[in-house]
């Protein structure tokens, strides 16, 4: 990563620029749209904190997916600063005395805005989880390579499952989903994020739940489970979905944060390529099943499963206001 010339004074970005970049970072994906992040803006930096009050205790007791969500916000922040003409310098877990401080991103100097940066930054507002049927058209090999390269840029490995592996992953995901639905507290936790009597700026509203799979084959999480009054059409989903697995070396907080950054770069790359994406999280949320997707001998841990394809436009989920996610600068 480049740095400014020694002795040269680097002009700090305007507060409005940093606020705009934080606002963009809140568009990152998160488990159940829980948005488990907080930010503190400094003179030339932004700190990103994990908000443990928004962790899903049943699905994510270790906070792995929470940290992946925070990592996705960190990547979006880095990209937004880069698109604003600033070179972002990333420090992960910079203060051992503050374990919830996941990252500090400092503006290290001016940077040229490349066409690639502009494309990815433009995709931020268009990236939405798509729970609708995808076309049967195959995802081109060059698009797959673009996504694989995106993950590698953030030191993660993305692989396309072959037909045998795809079928095994789908079966494991179905088994994980059944196990989760039978777990105590699962329905109450799902209700917390999906059944809102008063409109909220987080969680999963009925408008983005999507139709029911007529064949009940694709293991998408059923966010309509506790909404009996929800009118949902039944549609045929693609019989042979493109499934990709994102893995990292290691399985600690740093690896989870890296996985989130890789995930968001992959998702934004897919969005730029006009591809739709859906996370299939169940199989990596049940430890015994996740182990079957993990190659510990190679030091690779499965973090995310993605469904990729061509689909109709998806609806955005709500986001909290900027003042709700900003910590006072003086704290």
C-alpha atoms as a PDB file:
ATOM      1  CA  UNK A   1       0.000   0.000   0.000  1.00  0.00           C
ATOM      2  CA  UNK A   2       1.411   3.378  -0.978  1.00  0.00           C
ATOM      3  CA  UNK A   3       1.999   6.167   1.516  1.00  0.00           C
ATOM      4  CA  UNK A   4       2.455   9.901   1.209  1.00  0.00           C
ATOM      5  CA  UNK A   5       5.884  11.400   0.638  1.00  0.00           C
ATOM      6  CA  UNK A   6       7.865  11.679   3.880  1.00  0.00           C
ATOM      7  CA  UNK A   7       7.432  15.102   5.423  1.00  0.00           C
ATOM      8  CA  UNK A   8       4.557  16.044   3.141  1.00  0.00           C
ATOM      9  CA  UNK A   9       1.473  17.184   5.012  1.00  0.00           C
ATOM     10  CA  UNK A  10      -1.594  15.248   3.953  1.00  0.00           C
ATOM     11  CA  UNK A  11      -4.781  17.283   3.835  1.00  0.00           C
ATOM     12  CA  UNK A  12      -7.505  15.757   5.958  1.00  0.00           C
ATOM     13  CA  UNK A  13     -10.766  15.014   4.140  1.00  0.00           C
ATOM     14  CA  UNK A  14     -13.784  17.139   4.942  1.00  0.00           C
ATOM     15  CA  UNK A  15     -16.111  15.817   7.624  1.00  0.00           C
ATOM     16  CA  UNK A  16     -18.899  15.677   5.052  1.00  0.00           C
ATOM     17  CA  UNK A  17     -16.807  13.337   2.895  1.00  0.00           C
ATOM     18  CA  UNK A  18     -16.186  10.963   5.794  1.00  0.00           C
ATOM     19  CA  UNK A  19     -19.868  11.008   6.728  1.00  0.00           C
ATOM     20  CA  UNK A  20     -20.816  10.211   3.141  1.00  0.00           C
ATOM     21  CA  UNK A  21     -18.421   7.258   3.126  1.00  0.00           C
ATOM     22  CA  UNK A  22     -19.822   5.966   6.429  1.00  0.00           C
ATOM     23  CA  UNK A  23     -23.335   6.269   5.028  1.00  0.00           C
ATOM     24  CA  UNK A  24     -22.248   4.171   2.053  1.00  0.00           C
ATOM     25  CA  UNK A  25     -20.687   1.604   4.420  1.00  0.00           C
ATOM     26  CA  UNK A  26     -24.061   1.040   6.072  1.00  0.00           C
ATOM     27  CA  UNK A  27     -25.335  -0.377   2.771  1.00  0.00           C
ATOM     28  CA  UNK A  28     -23.240  -3.511   3.399  1.00  0.00           C
ATOM     29  CA  UNK A  29     -25.040  -6.845   3.833  1.00  0.00           C
ATOM     30  CA  UNK A  30     -25.581  -8.374   7.268  1.00  0.00           C
ATOM     31  CA  UNK A  31     -27.230 -11.412   8.823  1.00  0.00           C
ATOM     32  CA  UNK A  32     -31.002 -10.740   8.984  1.00  0.00           C
ATOM     33  CA  UNK A  33     -30.145  -7.129   8.058  1.00  0.00           C
ATOM     34  CA  UNK A  34     -29.079  -6.679  11.682  1.00  0.00           C
ATOM     35  CA  UNK A  35     -26.544  -3.957  10.728  1.00  0.00           C
ATOM     36  CA  UNK A  36     -24.192  -4.775  13.649  1.00  0.00           C
ATOM     37  CA  UNK A  37     -21.787  -1.878  13.251  1.00  0.00           C
ATOM     38  CA  UNK A  38     -20.930   1.480  14.753  1.00  0.00           C
ATOM     39  CA  UNK A  39     -18.550   4.148  13.479  1.00  0.00           C
ATOM     40  CA  UNK A  40     -16.469   6.905  14.989  1.00  0.00           C
ATOM     41  CA  UNK A  41     -15.215   9.674  12.702  1.00  0.00           C
ATOM     42  CA  UNK A  42     -11.886  11.328  13.465  1.00  0.00           C
ATOM     43  CA  UNK A  43      -9.951  14.100  11.763  1.00  0.00           C
ATOM     44  CA  UNK A  44      -8.642  11.842   8.987  1.00  0.00           C
ATOM     45  CA  UNK A  45      -9.930   8.391   9.902  1.00  0.00           C
ATOM     46  CA  UNK A  46     -12.986   6.273  10.611  1.00  0.00           C
ATOM     47  CA  UNK A  47     -13.117   3.566  13.248  1.00  0.00           C
ATOM     48  CA  UNK A  48     -15.481   0.629  12.766  1.00  0.00           C
ATOM     49  CA  UNK A  49     -16.868  -1.180  15.813  1.00  0.00           C
ATOM     50  CA  UNK A  50     -18.743  -4.458  16.168  1.00  0.00           C
ATOM     51  CA  UNK A  51     -22.078  -3.866  17.898  1.00  0.00           C
ATOM     52  CA  UNK A  52     -22.529  -6.998  19.999  1.00  0.00           C
ATOM     53  CA  UNK A  53     -26.030  -5.926  21.034  1.00  0.00           C
ATOM     54  CA  UNK A  54     -27.102  -6.885  17.512  1.00  0.00           C
ATOM     55  CA  UNK A  55     -25.609 -10.379  17.508  1.00  0.00           C
ATOM     56  CA  UNK A  56     -28.024 -13.254  16.819  1.00  0.00           C
ATOM     57  CA  UNK A  57     -27.475 -15.538  19.803  1.00  0.00           C
ATOM     58  CA  UNK A  58     -29.123 -18.622  18.282  1.00  0.00           C
ATOM     59  CA  UNK A  59     -27.703 -18.522  14.762  1.00  0.00           C
ATOM     60  CA  UNK A  60     -24.403 -16.837  15.557  1.00  0.00           C
ATOM     61  CA  UNK A  61     -23.337 -17.548  19.151  1.00  0.00           C
ATOM     62  CA  UNK A  62     -19.634 -17.008  18.443  1.00  0.00           C
ATOM     63  CA  UNK A  63     -20.203 -13.772  16.536  1.00  0.00           C
ATOM     64  CA  UNK A  64     -18.647 -15.151  13.348  1.00  0.00           C
ATOM     65  CA  UNK A  65     -21.343 -13.822  11.027  1.00  0.00           C
ATOM     66  CA  UNK A  66     -21.488 -10.562  12.961  1.00  0.00           C
ATOM     67  CA  UNK A  67     -17.804 -10.030  12.237  1.00  0.00           C
ATOM     68  CA  UNK A  68     -18.305 -10.993   8.586  1.00  0.00           C
ATOM     69  CA  UNK A  69     -21.004  -8.315   8.382  1.00  0.00           C
ATOM     70  CA  UNK A  70     -18.645  -5.772   9.947  1.00  0.00           C
ATOM     71  CA  UNK A  71     -15.970  -6.784   7.446  1.00  0.00           C
ATOM     72  CA  UNK A  72     -18.376  -6.105   4.584  1.00  0.00           C
ATOM     73  CA  UNK A  73     -18.940  -2.605   5.984  1.00  0.00           C
ATOM     74  CA  UNK A  74     -15.175  -2.084   6.277  1.00  0.00           C
ATOM     75  CA  UNK A  75     -14.642  -2.965   2.608  1.00  0.00           C
ATOM     76  CA  UNK A  76     -17.451  -0.620   1.581  1.00  0.00           C
ATOM     77  CA  UNK A  77     -15.896   2.160   3.640  1.00  0.00           C
ATOM     78  CA  UNK A  78     -12.473   1.560   2.090  1.00  0.00           C
ATOM     79  CA  UNK A  79     -13.933   1.561  -1.409  1.00  0.00           C
ATOM     80  CA  UNK A  80     -15.960   4.719  -0.787  1.00  0.00           C
ATOM     81  CA  UNK A  81     -12.914   6.590   0.505  1.00  0.00           C
ATOM     82  CA  UNK A  82     -10.930   5.408  -2.508  1.00  0.00           C
ATOM     83  CA  UNK A  83     -13.703   6.605  -4.836  1.00  0.00           C
ATOM     84  CA  UNK A  84     -13.583   9.982  -3.046  1.00  0.00           C
ATOM     85  CA  UNK A  85      -9.908  10.294  -3.976  1.00  0.00           C
ATOM     86  CA  UNK A  86      -8.315   9.188  -0.687  1.00  0.00           C
ATOM     87  CA  UNK A  87      -5.896   6.309  -0.185  1.00  0.00           C
ATOM     88  CA  UNK A  88      -7.314   4.174   2.664  1.00  0.00           C
ATOM     89  CA  UNK A  89      -4.891   2.590   5.116  1.00  0.00           C
ATOM     90  CA  UNK A  90      -6.456  -0.306   7.012  1.00  0.00           C
ATOM     91  CA  UNK A  91      -5.589  -1.457  10.533  1.00  0.00           C
ATOM     92  CA  UNK A  92      -7.507  -4.454  11.879  1.00  0.00           C
ATOM     93  CA  UNK A  93      -8.120  -4.773  15.626  1.00  0.00           C
ATOM     94  CA  UNK A  94      -5.725  -1.881  16.272  1.00  0.00           C
ATOM     95  CA  UNK A  95      -6.303  -1.621  20.038  1.00  0.00           C
ATOM     96  CA  UNK A  96      -6.189  -4.735  22.255  1.00  0.00           C
ATOM     97  CA  UNK A  97      -7.885  -2.714  25.000  1.00  0.00           C
ATOM     98  CA  UNK A  98     -10.923  -2.241  22.751  1.00  0.00           C
ATOM     99  CA  UNK A  99     -11.882  -5.708  21.465  1.00  0.00           C
ATOM    100  CA  UNK A 100     -14.974  -4.362  19.677  1.00  0.00           C
ATOM    101  CA  UNK A 101     -12.862  -1.944  17.618  1.00  0.00           C
ATOM    102  CA  UNK A 102     -12.631  -4.088  14.499  1.00  0.00           C
ATOM    103  CA  UNK A 103     -10.860  -1.686  12.158  1.00  0.00           C
ATOM    104  CA  UNK A 104      -9.461   1.778  11.723  1.00  0.00           C
ATOM    105  CA  UNK A 105      -9.336   3.197   8.198  1.00  0.00           C
ATOM    106  CA  UNK A 106      -7.096   6.235   7.803  1.00  0.00           C
ATOM    107  CA  UNK A 107      -6.798   8.510   4.796  1.00  0.00           C
ATOM    108  CA  UNK A 108      -3.091   8.160   3.998  1.00  0.00           C
ATOM    109  CA  UNK A 109      -2.978  10.559   1.059  1.00  0.00           C
ATOM    110  CA  UNK A 110      -4.546  11.391  -2.287  1.00  0.00           C
ATOM    111  CA  UNK A 111      -5.270   8.621  -4.773  1.00  0.00           C
ATOM    112  CA  UNK A 112      -6.253   8.488  -8.409  1.00  0.00           C
ATOM    113  CA  UNK A 113      -9.769   7.193  -8.929  1.00  0.00           C
ATOM    114  CA  UNK A 114      -9.545   4.354 -11.435  1.00  0.00           C
ATOM    115  CA  UNK A 115     -12.347   3.084 -13.643  1.00  0.00           C
ATOM    116  CA  UNK A 116     -12.415  -0.180 -11.650  1.00  0.00           C
ATOM    117  CA  UNK A 117     -12.913   1.733  -8.401  1.00  0.00           C
ATOM    118  CA  UNK A 118     -15.673   3.829  -9.954  1.00  0.00           C
ATOM    119  CA  UNK A 119     -17.487   0.713 -11.172  1.00  0.00           C
ATOM    120  CA  UNK A 120     -17.431  -1.019  -7.804  1.00  0.00           C
ATOM    121  CA  UNK A 121     -18.363   2.145  -5.912  1.00  0.00           C
ATOM    122  CA  UNK A 122     -21.303   2.693  -8.270  1.00  0.00           C
ATOM    123  CA  UNK A 123     -22.498  -0.834  -7.488  1.00  0.00           C
ATOM    124  CA  UNK A 124     -22.816  -0.184  -3.728  1.00  0.00           C
ATOM    125  CA  UNK A 125     -26.335   1.222  -3.922  1.00  0.00           C
ATOM    126  CA  UNK A 126     -27.499  -1.471  -6.354  1.00  0.00           C
ATOM    127  CA  UNK A 127     -26.331  -4.540  -4.428  1.00  0.00           C
ATOM    128  CA  UNK A 128     -29.317  -6.304  -2.870  1.00  0.00           C
ATOM    129  CA  UNK A 129     -29.863  -9.864  -1.720  1.00  0.00           C
ATOM    130  CA  UNK A 130     -32.103 -11.506  -4.302  1.00  0.00           C
ATOM    131  CA  UNK A 131     -34.535 -14.178  -3.046  1.00  0.00           C
ATOM    132  CA  UNK A 132     -36.331 -14.625  -6.373  1.00  0.00           C
ATOM    133  CA  UNK A 133     -35.903 -17.364  -9.007  1.00  0.00           C
ATOM    134  CA  UNK A 134     -32.882 -16.994 -11.268  1.00  0.00           C
ATOM    135  CA  UNK A 135     -32.659 -17.684 -14.970  1.00  0.00           C
ATOM    136  CA  UNK A 136     -31.479 -21.097 -16.097  1.00  0.00           C
ATOM    137  CA  UNK A 137     -28.751 -19.395 -18.125  1.00  0.00           C
ATOM    138  CA  UNK A 138     -25.273 -20.413 -17.002  1.00  0.00           C
ATOM    139  CA  UNK A 139     -23.019 -17.800 -15.445  1.00  0.00           C
ATOM    140  CA  UNK A 140     -20.191 -17.163 -17.964  1.00  0.00           C
ATOM    141  CA  UNK A 141     -16.733 -18.413 -17.077  1.00  0.00           C
ATOM    142  CA  UNK A 142     -15.211 -14.940 -17.301  1.00  0.00           C
ATOM    143  CA  UNK A 143     -17.752 -13.625 -14.774  1.00  0.00           C
ATOM    144  CA  UNK A 144     -16.838 -16.473 -12.414  1.00  0.00           C
ATOM    145  CA  UNK A 145     -13.164 -15.558 -12.807  1.00  0.00           C
ATOM    146  CA  UNK A 146     -13.882 -11.913 -12.006  1.00  0.00           C
ATOM    147  CA  UNK A 147     -15.537 -12.963  -8.745  1.00  0.00           C
ATOM    148  CA  UNK A 148     -12.745 -15.390  -7.880  1.00  0.00           C
ATOM    149  CA  UNK A 149     -10.201 -12.612  -8.455  1.00  0.00           C
ATOM    150  CA  UNK A 150     -12.255 -10.262  -6.278  1.00  0.00           C
ATOM    151  CA  UNK A 151     -12.085 -12.710  -3.370  1.00  0.00           C
ATOM    152  CA  UNK A 152      -8.352 -13.258  -3.893  1.00  0.00           C
ATOM    153  CA  UNK A 153      -7.781  -9.491  -3.701  1.00  0.00           C
ATOM    154  CA  UNK A 154      -9.000  -9.708  -0.084  1.00  0.00           C
ATOM    155  CA  UNK A 155      -6.965 -12.874   0.641  1.00  0.00           C
ATOM    156  CA  UNK A 156      -9.881 -15.311   0.454  1.00  0.00           C
ATOM    157  CA  UNK A 157     -10.638 -18.234  -1.822  1.00  0.00           C
ATOM    158  CA  UNK A 158     -13.855 -18.490  -3.826  1.00  0.00           C
ATOM    159  CA  UNK A 159     -14.674 -21.717  -5.633  1.00  0.00           C
ATOM    160  CA  UNK A 160     -17.526 -22.744  -7.935  1.00  0.00           C
ATOM    161  CA  UNK A 161     -19.074 -26.022  -6.850  1.00  0.00           C
ATOM    162  CA  UNK A 162     -19.203 -28.732  -9.505  1.00  0.00           C
ATOM    163  CA  UNK A 163     -22.539 -30.560  -9.965  1.00  0.00           C
ATOM    164  CA  UNK A 164     -21.735 -33.253  -7.392  1.00  0.00           C
ATOM    165  CA  UNK A 165     -20.502 -30.750  -4.816  1.00  0.00           C
ATOM    166  CA  UNK A 166     -23.441 -28.435  -5.532  1.00  0.00           C
ATOM    167  CA  UNK A 167     -25.947 -31.187  -4.831  1.00  0.00           C
ATOM    168  CA  UNK A 168     -24.117 -32.098  -1.629  1.00  0.00           C
ATOM    169  CA  UNK A 169     -24.066 -28.466  -0.468  1.00  0.00           C
ATOM    170  CA  UNK A 170     -27.787 -28.091  -1.160  1.00  0.00           C
ATOM    171  CA  UNK A 171     -28.536 -31.292   0.770  1.00  0.00           C
ATOM    172  CA  UNK A 172     -26.395 -30.144   3.693  1.00  0.00           C
ATOM    173  CA  UNK A 173     -28.075 -26.734   3.655  1.00  0.00           C
ATOM    174  CA  UNK A 174     -31.513 -28.343   3.709  1.00  0.00           C
ATOM    175  CA  UNK A 175     -30.482 -30.513   6.665  1.00  0.00           C
ATOM    176  CA  UNK A 176     -29.059 -27.474   8.470  1.00  0.00           C
ATOM    177  CA  UNK A 177     -32.270 -25.533   7.893  1.00  0.00           C
ATOM    178  CA  UNK A 178     -34.367 -28.331   9.380  1.00  0.00           C
ATOM    179  CA  UNK A 179     -32.075 -28.541  12.397  1.00  0.00           C
ATOM    180  CA  UNK A 180     -32.249 -24.783  12.935  1.00  0.00           C
ATOM    181  CA  UNK A 181     -36.043 -24.681  12.794  1.00  0.00           C
ATOM    182  CA  UNK A 182     -36.106 -27.345  15.521  1.00  0.00           C
ATOM    183  CA  UNK A 183     -33.716 -25.382  17.745  1.00  0.00           C
ATOM    184  CA  UNK A 184     -35.120 -23.657  20.800  1.00  0.00           C
ATOM    185  CA  UNK A 185     -35.203 -19.895  20.414  1.00  0.00           C
ATOM    186  CA  UNK A 186     -34.869 -19.938  16.622  1.00  0.00           C
ATOM    187  CA  UNK A 187     -38.402 -18.767  15.918  1.00  0.00           C
ATOM    188  CA  UNK A 188     -38.253 -16.067  18.585  1.00  0.00           C
ATOM    189  CA  UNK A 189     -35.003 -14.761  17.116  1.00  0.00           C
ATOM    190  CA  UNK A 190     -36.430 -14.845  13.603  1.00  0.00           C
ATOM    191  CA  UNK A 191     -39.482 -12.946  14.831  1.00  0.00           C
ATOM    192  CA  UNK A 192     -37.243 -10.242  16.304  1.00  0.00           C
ATOM    193  CA  UNK A 193     -35.944  -9.390  12.852  1.00  0.00           C
ATOM    194  CA  UNK A 194     -38.926 -10.138  10.596  1.00  0.00           C
ATOM    195  CA  UNK A 195     -42.218  -9.344  12.344  1.00  0.00           C
ATOM    196  CA  UNK A 196     -42.359  -5.599  12.910  1.00  0.00           C
ATOM    197  CA  UNK A 197     -45.585  -4.026  14.103  1.00  0.00           C
ATOM    198  CA  UNK A 198     -43.978  -0.623  13.620  1.00  0.00           C
ATOM    199  CA  UNK A 199     -41.843   0.050  10.494  1.00  0.00           C
ATOM    200  CA  UNK A 200     -38.136  -0.181  11.307  1.00  0.00           C
ATOM    201  CA  UNK A 201     -34.874   0.655   9.581  1.00  0.00           C
ATOM    202  CA  UNK A 202     -33.385  -2.799  10.128  1.00  0.00           C
ATOM    203  CA  UNK A 203     -34.468  -6.414   9.811  1.00  0.00           C
ATOM    204  CA  UNK A 204     -36.168  -8.152   6.888  1.00  0.00           C
ATOM    205  CA  UNK A 205     -39.497  -6.572   5.806  1.00  0.00           C
ATOM    206  CA  UNK A 206     -42.129  -8.563   3.863  1.00  0.00           C
ATOM    207  CA  UNK A 207     -41.255  -6.659   0.672  1.00  0.00           C
ATOM    208  CA  UNK A 208     -37.940  -8.519   0.282  1.00  0.00           C
ATOM    209  CA  UNK A 209     -38.902 -12.023   1.408  1.00  0.00           C
ATOM    210  CA  UNK A 210     -39.643 -13.319  -2.088  1.00  0.00           C
ATOM    211  CA  UNK A 211     -41.770 -16.222  -3.348  1.00  0.00           C
ATOM    212  CA  UNK A 212     -41.918 -19.782  -2.103  1.00  0.00           C
ATOM    213  CA  UNK A 213     -40.005 -22.443  -4.055  1.00  0.00           C
ATOM    214  CA  UNK A 214     -42.648 -24.635  -5.692  1.00  0.00           C
ATOM    215  CA  UNK A 215     -40.368 -27.691  -5.545  1.00  0.00           C
ATOM    216  CA  UNK A 216     -38.991 -26.850  -2.091  1.00  0.00           C
ATOM    217  CA  UNK A 217     -35.504 -27.709  -3.335  1.00  0.00           C
ATOM    218  CA  UNK A 218     -33.505 -24.499  -3.012  1.00  0.00           C
ATOM    219  CA  UNK A 219     -32.510 -24.009   0.654  1.00  0.00           C
ATOM    220  CA  UNK A 220     -33.311 -20.318   1.037  1.00  0.00           C
ATOM    221  CA  UNK A 221     -34.047 -19.137   4.555  1.00  0.00           C
ATOM    222  CA  UNK A 222     -37.784 -18.815   5.047  1.00  0.00           C
ATOM    223  CA  UNK A 223     -38.240 -15.287   6.378  1.00  0.00           C
ATOM    224  CA  UNK A 224     -42.001 -15.668   5.928  1.00  0.00           C
ATOM    225  CA  UNK A 225     -42.173 -18.532   8.435  1.00  0.00           C
ATOM    226  CA  UNK A 226     -43.793 -16.420  11.141  1.00  0.00           C
ATOM    227  CA  UNK A 227     -45.920 -14.211   8.904  1.00  0.00           C
ATOM    228  CA  UNK A 228     -49.072 -16.287   8.181  1.00  0.00           C
ATOM    229  CA  UNK A 229     -50.897 -13.302   6.689  1.00  0.00           C
ATOM    230  CA  UNK A 230     -48.148 -12.755   4.122  1.00  0.00           C
ATOM    231  CA  UNK A 231     -49.372 -13.410   0.587  1.00  0.00           C
ATOM    232  CA  UNK A 232     -46.512 -15.204  -1.208  1.00  0.00           C
ATOM    233  CA  UNK A 233     -46.694 -16.543  -4.739  1.00  0.00           C
ATOM    234  CA  UNK A 234     -45.246 -19.962  -5.477  1.00  0.00           C
ATOM    235  CA  UNK A 235     -42.689 -19.999  -8.286  1.00  0.00           C
ATOM    236  CA  UNK A 236     -40.317 -22.478  -9.868  1.00  0.00           C
ATOM    237  CA  UNK A 237     -36.705 -21.747  -9.033  1.00  0.00           C
ATOM    238  CA  UNK A 238     -33.763 -22.742 -11.172  1.00  0.00           C
ATOM    239  CA  UNK A 239     -33.120 -26.515 -10.888  1.00  0.00           C
ATOM    240  CA  UNK A 240     -29.331 -26.267 -11.144  1.00  0.00           C
ATOM    241  CA  UNK A 241     -28.189 -23.145  -9.291  1.00  0.00           C
ATOM    242  CA  UNK A 242     -24.623 -21.868  -9.491  1.00  0.00           C
ATOM    243  CA  UNK A 243     -23.225 -22.257  -5.985  1.00  0.00           C
ATOM    244  CA  UNK A 244     -19.937 -20.791  -4.785  1.00  0.00           C
ATOM    245  CA  UNK A 245     -18.101 -21.243  -1.481  1.00  0.00           C
ATOM    246  CA  UNK A 246     -15.983 -18.505   0.084  1.00  0.00           C
ATOM    247  CA  UNK A 247     -13.234 -19.755   2.394  1.00  0.00           C
ATOM    248  CA  UNK A 248     -10.431 -18.199   4.399  1.00  0.00           C
ATOM    249  CA  UNK A 249      -7.168 -19.453   5.842  1.00  0.00           C
ATOM    250  CA  UNK A 250      -7.846 -19.688   9.534  1.00  0.00           C
ATOM    251  CA  UNK A 251     -11.038 -19.241  11.482  1.00  0.00           C
ATOM    252  CA  UNK A 252     -10.517 -16.475  14.017  1.00  0.00           C
ATOM    253  CA  UNK A 253     -11.850 -12.913  14.269  1.00  0.00           C
ATOM    254  CA  UNK A 254      -9.291 -11.627  11.769  1.00  0.00           C
ATOM    255  CA  UNK A 255     -10.281 -14.344   9.287  1.00  0.00           C
ATOM    256  CA  UNK A 256     -13.969 -13.523   9.729  1.00  0.00           C
ATOM    257  CA  UNK A 257     -13.311  -9.834   9.160  1.00  0.00           C
ATOM    258  CA  UNK A 258     -11.316 -10.707   6.027  1.00  0.00           C
ATOM    259  CA  UNK A 259     -14.153 -12.967   4.851  1.00  0.00           C
ATOM    260  CA  UNK A 260     -16.587 -10.066   5.115  1.00  0.00           C
ATOM    261  CA  UNK A 261     -14.348  -7.810   3.063  1.00  0.00           C
ATOM    262  CA  UNK A 262     -13.908 -10.509   0.434  1.00  0.00           C
ATOM    263  CA  UNK A 263     -17.638 -11.200   0.412  1.00  0.00           C
ATOM    264  CA  UNK A 264     -18.531  -7.578  -0.234  1.00  0.00           C
ATOM    265  CA  UNK A 265     -15.945  -7.218  -2.986  1.00  0.00           C
ATOM    266  CA  UNK A 266     -17.370 -10.361  -4.610  1.00  0.00           C
ATOM    267  CA  UNK A 267     -20.962  -9.115  -4.256  1.00  0.00           C
ATOM    268  CA  UNK A 268     -20.150  -5.705  -5.718  1.00  0.00           C
ATOM    269  CA  UNK A 269     -18.266  -7.350  -8.573  1.00  0.00           C
ATOM    270  CA  UNK A 270     -21.279  -9.563  -9.256  1.00  0.00           C
ATOM    271  CA  UNK A 271     -23.580  -6.528  -9.159  1.00  0.00           C
ATOM    272  CA  UNK A 272     -21.373  -4.709 -11.666  1.00  0.00           C
ATOM    273  CA  UNK A 273     -21.634  -7.826 -13.884  1.00  0.00           C
ATOM    274  CA  UNK A 274     -25.459  -7.653 -13.644  1.00  0.00           C
ATOM    275  CA  UNK A 275     -25.548 -10.851 -11.604  1.00  0.00           C
ATOM    276  CA  UNK A 276     -27.918 -11.531  -8.732  1.00  0.00           C
ATOM    277  CA  UNK A 277     -26.709 -13.125  -5.501  1.00  0.00           C
ATOM    278  CA  UNK A 278     -28.183 -14.845  -2.461  1.00  0.00           C
ATOM    279  CA  UNK A 279     -26.318 -16.066   0.609  1.00  0.00           C
ATOM    280  CA  UNK A 280     -27.138 -19.628   1.680  1.00  0.00           C
ATOM    281  CA  UNK A 281     -26.015 -19.400   5.271  1.00  0.00           C
ATOM    282  CA  UNK A 282     -27.612 -22.357   7.013  1.00  0.00           C
ATOM    283  CA  UNK A 283     -24.900 -24.921   6.242  1.00  0.00           C
ATOM    284  CA  UNK A 284     -22.141 -22.743   7.726  1.00  0.00           C
ATOM    285  CA  UNK A 285     -24.207 -21.872  10.809  1.00  0.00           C
ATOM    286  CA  UNK A 286     -24.445 -25.453  12.105  1.00  0.00           C
ATOM    287  CA  UNK A 287     -20.945 -26.461  13.319  1.00  0.00           C
ATOM    288  CA  UNK A 288     -21.184 -30.165  12.492  1.00  0.00           C
ATOM    289  CA  UNK A 289     -22.385 -29.448   8.974  1.00  0.00           C
ATOM    290  CA  UNK A 290     -19.939 -26.593   8.416  1.00  0.00           C
ATOM    291  CA  UNK A 291     -17.078 -29.004   9.160  1.00  0.00           C
ATOM    292  CA  UNK A 292     -18.106 -31.062   6.139  1.00  0.00           C
ATOM    293  CA  UNK A 293     -17.561 -28.015   3.902  1.00  0.00           C
ATOM    294  CA  UNK A 294     -14.213 -27.135   5.460  1.00  0.00           C
ATOM    295  CA  UNK A 295     -10.781 -28.402   4.404  1.00  0.00           C
ATOM    296  CA  UNK A 296      -8.888 -28.093   7.671  1.00  0.00           C
ATOM    297  CA  UNK A 297      -5.975 -30.049   6.208  1.00  0.00           C
ATOM    298  CA  UNK A 298      -5.408 -27.185   3.777  1.00  0.00           C
ATOM    299  CA  UNK A 299      -6.164 -24.620   6.478  1.00  0.00           C
ATOM    300  CA  UNK A 300      -9.274 -23.450   4.605  1.00  0.00           C
ATOM    301  CA  UNK A 301     -12.487 -22.723   6.500  1.00  0.00           C
ATOM    302  CA  UNK A 302     -15.817 -22.307   4.725  1.00  0.00           C
ATOM    303  CA  UNK A 303     -17.327 -18.940   5.673  1.00  0.00           C
ATOM    304  CA  UNK A 304     -20.052 -18.146   3.133  1.00  0.00           C
ATOM    305  CA  UNK A 305     -22.078 -20.016   0.513  1.00  0.00           C
ATOM    306  CA  UNK A 306     -23.419 -17.950  -2.374  1.00  0.00           C
ATOM    307  CA  UNK A 307     -26.042 -18.601  -5.022  1.00  0.00           C
ATOM    308  CA  UNK A 308     -25.238 -16.642  -8.187  1.00  0.00           C
ATOM    309  CA  UNK A 309     -27.164 -16.107 -11.387  1.00  0.00           C
ATOM    310  CA  UNK A 310     -29.320 -13.790 -13.457  1.00  0.00           C
ATOM    311  CA  UNK A 311     -32.500 -12.587 -11.794  1.00  0.00           C
ATOM    312  CA  UNK A 312     -35.117  -9.877 -11.726  1.00  0.00           C
ATOM    313  CA  UNK A 313     -34.273  -6.663  -9.811  1.00  0.00           C
ATOM    314  CA  UNK A 314     -34.479  -7.067  -6.040  1.00  0.00           C
ATOM    315  CA  UNK A 315     -35.831  -4.606  -3.498  1.00  0.00           C
ATOM    316  CA  UNK A 316     -33.514  -2.818  -1.083  1.00  0.00           C
ATOM    317  CA  UNK A 317     -33.794  -3.438   2.649  1.00  0.00           C
ATOM    318  CA  UNK A 318     -34.006  -0.405   4.965  1.00  0.00           C
ATOM    319  CA  UNK A 319     -30.961   1.127   6.637  1.00  0.00           C
ATOM    320  CA  UNK A 320     -30.560   2.944   9.919  1.00  0.00           C
ATOM    321  CA  UNK A 321     -29.975   6.681   9.861  1.00  0.00           C
ATOM    322  CA  UNK A 322     -26.434   7.979  10.079  1.00  0.00           C
ATOM    323  CA  UNK A 323     -26.956   9.395  13.563  1.00  0.00           C
ATOM    324  CA  UNK A 324     -27.964   5.940  14.791  1.00  0.00           C
ATOM    325  CA  UNK A 325     -24.623   4.378  13.879  1.00  0.00           C
ATOM    326  CA  UNK A 326     -22.221   7.224  14.737  1.00  0.00           C
ATOM    327  CA  UNK A 327     -20.385   7.281  18.053  1.00  0.00           C
ATOM    328  CA  UNK A 328     -19.397  10.683  19.512  1.00  0.00           C
ATOM    329  CA  UNK A 329     -15.933  11.692  18.356  1.00  0.00           C
ATOM    330  CA  UNK A 330     -14.795  12.504  21.872  1.00  0.00           C
ATOM    331  CA  UNK A 331     -15.591   9.143  23.469  1.00  0.00           C
END
